[in-house]
Amino acid sequence: RIVPDELVQWGGTDNADILAWIPKGEPGDW
């Protein structure tokens, strides 16, 4: 469970879709 202010955007698409990490646990496994 997370609120948008905690997300970290690591990618996106040409359609403006967002790929975001949920920073929970070990960073390599987010």
PDB file of all heavy atoms in Angstrom:
ATOM      1  N   ARG A   1       0.847  -1.199   0.000  1.00  0.00           N
ATOM      2  CA  ARG A   1       0.000   0.000   0.000  1.00  0.00           C
ATOM      3  C   ARG A   1       0.881   1.246   0.000  1.00  0.00           C
ATOM      4  O   ARG A   1       1.860   1.319   0.741  1.00  0.00           O
ATOM      5  CB  ARG A   1      -0.910   0.033   1.210  1.00  0.00           C
ATOM      6  CG  ARG A   1      -2.042  -0.932   1.100  1.00  0.00           C
ATOM      7  CD  ARG A   1      -3.143  -0.373   0.196  1.00  0.00           C
ATOM      8  NE  ARG A   1      -4.206  -1.353   0.170  1.00  0.00           N
ATOM      9  CZ  ARG A   1      -4.683  -1.866  -0.928  1.00  0.00           C
ATOM     10  NH1 ARG A   1      -4.234  -1.496  -2.085  1.00  0.00           N
ATOM     11  NH2 ARG A   1      -5.646  -2.747  -0.880  1.00  0.00           N
ATOM     12  N   ILE A   2       0.509   2.202  -0.819  1.00  0.00           N
ATOM     13  CA  ILE A   2       1.347   3.373  -0.995  1.00  0.00           C
ATOM     14  C   ILE A   2       0.502   4.549  -1.456  1.00  0.00           C
ATOM     15  O   ILE A   2      -0.570   4.355  -2.028  1.00  0.00           O
ATOM     16  CB  ILE A   2       2.465   3.061  -2.021  1.00  0.00           C
ATOM     17  CG1 ILE A   2       3.545   4.114  -1.990  1.00  0.00           C
ATOM     18  CG2 ILE A   2       1.911   2.882  -3.406  1.00  0.00           C
ATOM     19  CD1 ILE A   2       4.836   3.641  -2.592  1.00  0.00           C
ATOM     20  N   VAL A   3       0.968   5.728  -1.205  1.00  0.00           N
ATOM     21  CA  VAL A   3       0.332   6.932  -1.740  1.00  0.00           C
ATOM     22  C   VAL A   3       1.196   7.426  -2.891  1.00  0.00           C
ATOM     23  O   VAL A   3       2.401   7.141  -2.939  1.00  0.00           O
ATOM     24  CB  VAL A   3       0.165   8.029  -0.655  1.00  0.00           C
ATOM     25  CG1 VAL A   3      -0.778   7.562   0.444  1.00  0.00           C
ATOM     26  CG2 VAL A   3       1.495   8.453  -0.085  1.00  0.00           C
ATOM     27  N   PRO A   4       0.606   8.149  -3.839  1.00  0.00           N
ATOM     28  CA  PRO A   4       1.369   8.582  -5.022  1.00  0.00           C
ATOM     29  C   PRO A   4       2.648   9.351  -4.705  1.00  0.00           C
ATOM     30  O   PRO A   4       3.625   9.241  -5.447  1.00  0.00           O
ATOM     31  CB  PRO A   4       0.371   9.447  -5.782  1.00  0.00           C
ATOM     32  CG  PRO A   4      -0.956   8.892  -5.397  1.00  0.00           C
ATOM     33  CD  PRO A   4      -0.806   8.480  -3.958  1.00  0.00           C
ATOM     34  N   ASP A   5       2.678  10.090  -3.591  1.00  0.00           N
ATOM     35  CA  ASP A   5       3.887  10.851  -3.249  1.00  0.00           C
ATOM     36  C   ASP A   5       5.070   9.969  -2.866  1.00  0.00           C
ATOM     37  O   ASP A   5       6.180  10.467  -2.707  1.00  0.00           O
ATOM     38  CB  ASP A   5       3.603  11.832  -2.115  1.00  0.00           C
ATOM     39  CG  ASP A   5       3.274  13.218  -2.631  1.00  0.00           C
ATOM     40  OD1 ASP A   5       3.287  13.426  -3.863  1.00  0.00           O
ATOM     41  OD2 ASP A   5       3.007  14.101  -1.803  1.00  0.00           O
ATOM     42  N   GLU A   6       4.847   8.667  -2.705  1.00  0.00           N
ATOM     43  CA  GLU A   6       5.937   7.751  -2.374  1.00  0.00           C
ATOM     44  C   GLU A   6       6.490   7.041  -3.613  1.00  0.00           C
ATOM     45  O   GLU A   6       7.563   6.463  -3.552  1.00  0.00           O
ATOM     46  CB  GLU A   6       5.453   6.707  -1.373  1.00  0.00           C
ATOM     47  CG  GLU A   6       5.088   7.285  -0.023  1.00  0.00           C
ATOM     48  CD  GLU A   6       4.495   6.240   0.893  1.00  0.00           C
ATOM     49  OE1 GLU A   6       3.341   5.846   0.666  1.00  0.00           O
ATOM     50  OE2 GLU A   6       5.206   5.827   1.826  1.00  0.00           O
ATOM     51  N   LEU A   7       5.771   7.072  -4.711  1.00  0.00           N
ATOM     52  CA  LEU A   7       6.209   6.379  -5.925  1.00  0.00           C
ATOM     53  C   LEU A   7       7.456   7.033  -6.512  1.00  0.00           C
ATOM     54  O   LEU A   7       7.672   8.237  -6.370  1.00  0.00           O
ATOM     55  CB  LEU A   7       5.097   6.386  -6.972  1.00  0.00           C
ATOM     56  CG  LEU A   7       3.819   5.641  -6.614  1.00  0.00           C
ATOM     57  CD1 LEU A   7       2.746   5.898  -7.668  1.00  0.00           C
ATOM     58  CD2 LEU A   7       4.097   4.151  -6.482  1.00  0.00           C
ATOM     59  N   VAL A   8       8.263   6.227  -7.205  1.00  0.00           N
ATOM     60  CA  VAL A   8       9.461   6.707  -7.891  1.00  0.00           C
ATOM     61  C   VAL A   8       9.342   6.285  -9.352  1.00  0.00           C
ATOM     62  O   VAL A   8       9.356   5.085  -9.654  1.00  0.00           O
ATOM     63  CB  VAL A   8      10.745   6.113  -7.268  1.00  0.00           C
ATOM     64  CG1 VAL A   8      11.978   6.572  -8.043  1.00  0.00           C
ATOM     65  CG2 VAL A   8      10.842   6.469  -5.796  1.00  0.00           C
ATOM     66  N   GLN A   9       9.221   7.250 -10.251  1.00  0.00           N
ATOM     67  CA  GLN A   9       9.032   6.910 -11.666  1.00  0.00           C
ATOM     68  C   GLN A   9      10.359   6.539 -12.315  1.00  0.00           C
ATOM     69  O   GLN A   9      11.257   7.356 -12.426  1.00  0.00           O
ATOM     70  CB  GLN A   9       8.394   8.066 -12.432  1.00  0.00           C
ATOM     71  CG  GLN A   9       8.068   7.662 -13.856  1.00  0.00           C
ATOM     72  CD  GLN A   9       7.378   8.745 -14.652  1.00  0.00           C
ATOM     73  OE1 GLN A   9       7.155   9.847 -14.184  1.00  0.00           O
ATOM     74  NE2 GLN A   9       7.041   8.413 -15.884  1.00  0.00           N
ATOM     75  N   TRP A  10      10.460   5.289 -12.783  1.00  0.00           N
ATOM     76  CA  TRP A  10      11.676   4.821 -13.431  1.00  0.00           C
ATOM     77  C   TRP A  10      11.501   4.602 -14.931  1.00  0.00           C
ATOM     78  O   TRP A  10      12.457   4.307 -15.638  1.00  0.00           O
ATOM     79  CB  TRP A  10      12.213   3.554 -12.766  1.00  0.00           C
ATOM     80  CG  TRP A  10      11.298   2.359 -12.834  1.00  0.00           C
ATOM     81  CD1 TRP A  10      10.424   1.946 -11.889  1.00  0.00           C
ATOM     82  CD2 TRP A  10      11.188   1.412 -13.905  1.00  0.00           C
ATOM     83  NE1 TRP A  10       9.770   0.813 -12.297  1.00  0.00           N
ATOM     84  CE2 TRP A  10      10.219   0.463 -13.530  1.00  0.00           C
ATOM     85  CE3 TRP A  10      11.815   1.278 -15.152  1.00  0.00           C
ATOM     86  CZ2 TRP A  10       9.864  -0.607 -14.351  1.00  0.00           C
ATOM     87  CZ3 TRP A  10      11.459   0.212 -15.970  1.00  0.00           C
ATOM     88  CH2 TRP A  10      10.497  -0.715 -15.568  1.00  0.00           C
ATOM     89  N   GLY A  11      10.282   4.758 -15.419  1.00  0.00           N
ATOM     90  CA  GLY A  11      10.056   4.564 -16.846  1.00  0.00           C
ATOM     91  C   GLY A  11       8.737   5.161 -17.270  1.00  0.00           C
ATOM     92  O   GLY A  11       7.937   5.625 -16.443  1.00  0.00           O
ATOM     93  N   GLY A  12       8.529   5.167 -18.561  1.00  0.00           N
ATOM     94  CA  GLY A  12       7.291   5.689 -19.114  1.00  0.00           C
ATOM     95  C   GLY A  12       7.124   5.217 -20.542  1.00  0.00           C
ATOM     96  O   GLY A  12       7.994   4.534 -21.093  1.00  0.00           O
ATOM     97  N   THR A  13       6.000   5.563 -21.129  1.00  0.00           N
ATOM     98  CA  THR A  13       5.747   5.174 -22.516  1.00  0.00           C
ATOM     99  C   THR A  13       5.466   6.404 -23.363  1.00  0.00           C
ATOM    100  O   THR A  13       5.223   7.500 -22.845  1.00  0.00           O
ATOM    101  CB  THR A  13       4.531   4.233 -22.623  1.00  0.00           C
ATOM    102  OG1 THR A  13       3.338   4.977 -22.352  1.00  0.00           O
ATOM    103  CG2 THR A  13       4.652   3.036 -21.692  1.00  0.00           C
ATOM    104  N   ASP A  14       5.475   6.212 -24.664  1.00  0.00           N
ATOM    105  CA  ASP A  14       5.124   7.297 -25.577  1.00  0.00           C
ATOM    106  C   ASP A  14       3.674   7.725 -25.402  1.00  0.00           C
ATOM    107  O   ASP A  14       3.287   8.791 -25.862  1.00  0.00           O
ATOM    108  CB  ASP A  14       5.376   6.890 -27.033  1.00  0.00           C
ATOM    109  CG  ASP A  14       6.824   7.092 -27.449  1.00  0.00           C
ATOM    110  OD1 ASP A  14       7.613   7.609 -26.636  1.00  0.00           O
ATOM    111  OD2 ASP A  14       7.169   6.744 -28.585  1.00  0.00           O
ATOM    112  N   ASN A  15       2.857   6.909 -24.753  1.00  0.00           N
ATOM    113  CA  ASN A  15       1.456   7.260 -24.478  1.00  0.00           C
ATOM    114  C   ASN A  15       1.304   7.985 -23.139  1.00  0.00           C
ATOM    115  O   ASN A  15       0.187   8.245 -22.715  1.00  0.00           O
ATOM    116  CB  ASN A  15       0.575   6.011 -24.466  1.00  0.00           C
ATOM    117  CG  ASN A  15       0.467   5.387 -25.833  1.00  0.00           C
ATOM    118  OD1 ASN A  15       0.789   6.001 -26.840  1.00  0.00           O
ATOM    119  ND2 ASN A  15       0.008   4.146 -25.875  1.00  0.00           N
ATOM    120  N   ALA A  16       2.418   8.259 -22.470  1.00  0.00           N
ATOM    121  CA  ALA A  16       2.461   8.929 -21.164  1.00  0.00           C
ATOM    122  C   ALA A  16       2.044   8.027 -20.005  1.00  0.00           C
ATOM    123  O   ALA A  16       1.706   8.508 -18.930  1.00  0.00           O
ATOM    124  CB  ALA A  16       1.665  10.229 -21.162  1.00  0.00           C
ATOM    125  N   ASP A  17       2.052   6.710 -20.208  1.00  0.00           N
ATOM    126  CA  ASP A  17       1.854   5.780 -19.100  1.00  0.00           C
ATOM    127  C   ASP A  17       3.092   5.852 -18.208  1.00  0.00           C
ATOM    128  O   ASP A  17       4.190   6.179 -18.675  1.00  0.00           O
ATOM    129  CB  ASP A  17       1.683   4.343 -19.610  1.00  0.00           C
ATOM    130  CG  ASP A  17       0.571   4.223 -20.638  1.00  0.00           C
ATOM    131  OD1 ASP A  17      -0.542   4.715 -20.375  1.00  0.00           O
ATOM    132  OD2 ASP A  17       0.829   3.648 -21.719  1.00  0.00           O
ATOM    133  N   ILE A  18       2.929   5.551 -16.929  1.00  0.00           N
ATOM    134  CA  ILE A  18       3.996   5.679 -15.939  1.00  0.00           C
ATOM    135  C   ILE A  18       4.364   4.308 -15.401  1.00  0.00           C
ATOM    136  O   ILE A  18       3.491   3.516 -15.054  1.00  0.00           O
ATOM    137  CB  ILE A  18       3.529   6.588 -14.784  1.00  0.00           C
ATOM    138  CG1 ILE A  18       3.355   8.016 -15.286  1.00  0.00           C
ATOM    139  CG2 ILE A  18       4.473   6.509 -13.597  1.00  0.00           C
ATOM    140  CD1 ILE A  18       2.666   8.931 -14.289  1.00  0.00           C
ATOM    141  N   LEU A  19       5.665   4.034 -15.320  1.00  0.00           N
ATOM    142  CA  LEU A  19       6.170   2.855 -14.617  1.00  0.00           C
ATOM    143  C   LEU A  19       6.884   3.376 -13.388  1.00  0.00           C
ATOM    144  O   LEU A  19       7.834   4.158 -13.498  1.00  0.00           O
ATOM    145  CB  LEU A  19       7.138   2.057 -15.500  1.00  0.00           C
ATOM    146  CG  LEU A  19       6.467   1.281 -16.642  1.00  0.00           C
ATOM    147  CD1 LEU A  19       6.334   2.160 -17.865  1.00  0.00           C
ATOM    148  CD2 LEU A  19       7.241   0.042 -16.966  1.00  0.00           C
ATOM    149  N   ALA A  20       6.388   2.990 -12.214  1.00  0.00           N
ATOM    150  CA  ALA A  20       6.929   3.540 -10.969  1.00  0.00           C
ATOM    151  C   ALA A  20       7.216   2.439  -9.963  1.00  0.00           C
ATOM    152  O   ALA A  20       6.456   1.479  -9.845  1.00  0.00           O
ATOM    153  CB  ALA A  20       5.956   4.550 -10.370  1.00  0.00           C
ATOM    154  N   TRP A  21       8.324   2.632  -9.272  1.00  0.00           N
ATOM    155  CA  TRP A  21       8.657   1.728  -8.184  1.00  0.00           C
ATOM    156  C   TRP A  21       7.774   2.013  -6.984  1.00  0.00           C
ATOM    157  O   TRP A  21       7.433   3.164  -6.707  1.00  0.00           O
ATOM    158  CB  TRP A  21      10.092   1.927  -7.728  1.00  0.00           C
ATOM    159  CG  TRP A  21      11.133   1.295  -8.574  1.00  0.00           C
ATOM    160  CD1 TRP A  21      11.167   0.032  -9.065  1.00  0.00           C
ATOM    161  CD2 TRP A  21      12.344   1.931  -9.000  1.00  0.00           C
ATOM    162  NE1 TRP A  21      12.319  -0.177  -9.776  1.00  0.00           N
ATOM    163  CE2 TRP A  21      13.057   0.981  -9.750  1.00  0.00           C
ATOM    164  CE3 TRP A  21      12.884   3.195  -8.818  1.00  0.00           C
ATOM    165  CZ2 TRP A  21      14.299   1.262 -10.316  1.00  0.00           C
ATOM    166  CZ3 TRP A  21      14.110   3.476  -9.380  1.00  0.00           C
ATOM    167  CH2 TRP A  21      14.807   2.514 -10.127  1.00  0.00           C
ATOM    168  N   ILE A  22       7.473   0.959  -6.266  1.00  0.00           N
ATOM    169  CA  ILE A  22       6.871   1.049  -4.944  1.00  0.00           C
ATOM    170  C   ILE A  22       8.023   0.769  -3.991  1.00  0.00           C
ATOM    171  O   ILE A  22       8.475  -0.371  -3.877  1.00  0.00           O
ATOM    172  CB  ILE A  22       5.733   0.026  -4.776  1.00  0.00           C
ATOM    173  CG1 ILE A  22       4.638   0.296  -5.800  1.00  0.00           C
ATOM    174  CG2 ILE A  22       5.212   0.053  -3.355  1.00  0.00           C
ATOM    175  CD1 ILE A  22       3.568  -0.779  -5.857  1.00  0.00           C
ATOM    176  N   PRO A  23       8.571   1.816  -3.360  1.00  0.00           N
ATOM    177  CA  PRO A  23       9.792   1.636  -2.567  1.00  0.00           C
ATOM    178  C   PRO A  23       9.549   0.923  -1.239  1.00  0.00           C
ATOM    179  O   PRO A  23       9.533   1.528  -0.174  1.00  0.00           O
ATOM    180  CB  PRO A  23      10.308   3.062  -2.370  1.00  0.00           C
ATOM    181  CG  PRO A  23       9.106   3.921  -2.496  1.00  0.00           C
ATOM    182  CD  PRO A  23       8.157   3.213  -3.418  1.00  0.00           C
ATOM    183  N   LYS A  24       9.360  -0.376  -1.336  1.00  0.00           N
ATOM    184  CA  LYS A  24       9.157  -1.230  -0.154  1.00  0.00           C
ATOM    185  C   LYS A  24      10.130  -2.400  -0.256  1.00  0.00           C
ATOM    186  O   LYS A  24      10.225  -3.045  -1.300  1.00  0.00           O
ATOM    187  CB  LYS A  24       7.731  -1.776  -0.102  1.00  0.00           C
ATOM    188  CG  LYS A  24       6.645  -0.721  -0.107  1.00  0.00           C
ATOM    189  CD  LYS A  24       6.467  -0.097   1.246  1.00  0.00           C
ATOM    190  CE  LYS A  24       5.321   0.884   1.196  1.00  0.00           C
ATOM    191  NZ  LYS A  24       4.838   1.286   2.452  1.00  0.00           N
ATOM    192  N   GLY A  25      10.878  -2.675   0.799  1.00  0.00           N
ATOM    193  CA  GLY A  25      11.830  -3.772   0.789  1.00  0.00           C
ATOM    194  C   GLY A  25      13.178  -3.320   0.243  1.00  0.00           C
ATOM    195  O   GLY A  25      13.526  -2.139   0.274  1.00  0.00           O
ATOM    196  N   GLU A  26      13.941  -4.267  -0.265  1.00  0.00           N
ATOM    197  CA  GLU A  26      15.262  -3.981  -0.815  1.00  0.00           C
ATOM    198  C   GLU A  26      15.132  -3.271  -2.159  1.00  0.00           C
ATOM    199  O   GLU A  26      14.350  -3.700  -3.020  1.00  0.00           O
ATOM    200  CB  GLU A  26      16.043  -5.286  -0.997  1.00  0.00           C
ATOM    201  CG  GLU A  26      16.415  -5.964   0.295  1.00  0.00           C
ATOM    202  CD  GLU A  26      17.340  -5.111   1.145  1.00  0.00           C
ATOM    203  OE1 GLU A  26      18.299  -4.521   0.605  1.00  0.00           O
ATOM    204  OE2 GLU A  26      17.086  -5.016   2.363  1.00  0.00           O
ATOM    205  N   PRO A  27      15.897  -2.189  -2.391  1.00  0.00           N
ATOM    206  CA  PRO A  27      15.760  -1.419  -3.635  1.00  0.00           C
ATOM    207  C   PRO A  27      15.845  -2.249  -4.918  1.00  0.00           C
ATOM    208  O   PRO A  27      15.105  -1.996  -5.866  1.00  0.00           O
ATOM    209  CB  PRO A  27      16.900  -0.401  -3.546  1.00  0.00           C
ATOM    210  CG  PRO A  27      17.089  -0.202  -2.079  1.00  0.00           C
ATOM    211  CD  PRO A  27      16.834  -1.560  -1.465  1.00  0.00           C
ATOM    212  N   GLY A  28      16.702  -3.237  -4.964  1.00  0.00           N
ATOM    213  CA  GLY A  28      16.814  -4.057  -6.169  1.00  0.00           C
ATOM    214  C   GLY A  28      15.596  -4.916  -6.438  1.00  0.00           C
ATOM    215  O   GLY A  28      15.432  -5.452  -7.533  1.00  0.00           O
ATOM    216  N   ASP A  29      14.729  -5.041  -5.436  1.00  0.00           N
ATOM    217  CA  ASP A  29      13.538  -5.879  -5.549  1.00  0.00           C
ATOM    218  C   ASP A  29      12.242  -5.084  -5.517  1.00  0.00           C
ATOM    219  O   ASP A  29      11.162  -5.669  -5.404  1.00  0.00           O
ATOM    220  CB  ASP A  29      13.510  -6.912  -4.414  1.00  0.00           C
ATOM    221  CG  ASP A  29      14.684  -7.857  -4.465  1.00  0.00           C
ATOM    222  OD1 ASP A  29      15.140  -8.185  -5.573  1.00  0.00           O
ATOM    223  OD2 ASP A  29      15.160  -8.258  -3.385  1.00  0.00           O
ATOM    224  N   TRP A  30      12.322  -3.753  -5.575  1.00  0.00           N
ATOM    225  CA  TRP A  30      11.106  -2.951  -5.511  1.00  0.00           C
ATOM    226  C   TRP A  30      10.135  -3.350  -6.610  1.00  0.00           C
ATOM    227  O   TRP A  30      10.522  -3.453  -7.786  1.00  0.00           O
ATOM    228  CB  TRP A  30      11.428  -1.477  -5.661  1.00  0.00           C
ATOM    229  CG  TRP A  30      12.052  -0.839  -4.453  1.00  0.00           C
ATOM    230  CD1 TRP A  30      12.206  -1.377  -3.201  1.00  0.00           C
ATOM    231  CD2 TRP A  30      12.613   0.473  -4.397  1.00  0.00           C
ATOM    232  NE1 TRP A  30      12.822  -0.481  -2.372  1.00  0.00           N
ATOM    233  CE2 TRP A  30      13.086   0.665  -3.073  1.00  0.00           C
ATOM    234  CE3 TRP A  30      12.755   1.488  -5.323  1.00  0.00           C
ATOM    235  CZ2 TRP A  30      13.692   1.845  -2.669  1.00  0.00           C
ATOM    236  CZ3 TRP A  30      13.369   2.664  -4.913  1.00  0.00           C
ATOM    237  CH2 TRP A  30      13.827   2.842  -3.603  1.00  0.00           C
TER     238      TRP A  30
END
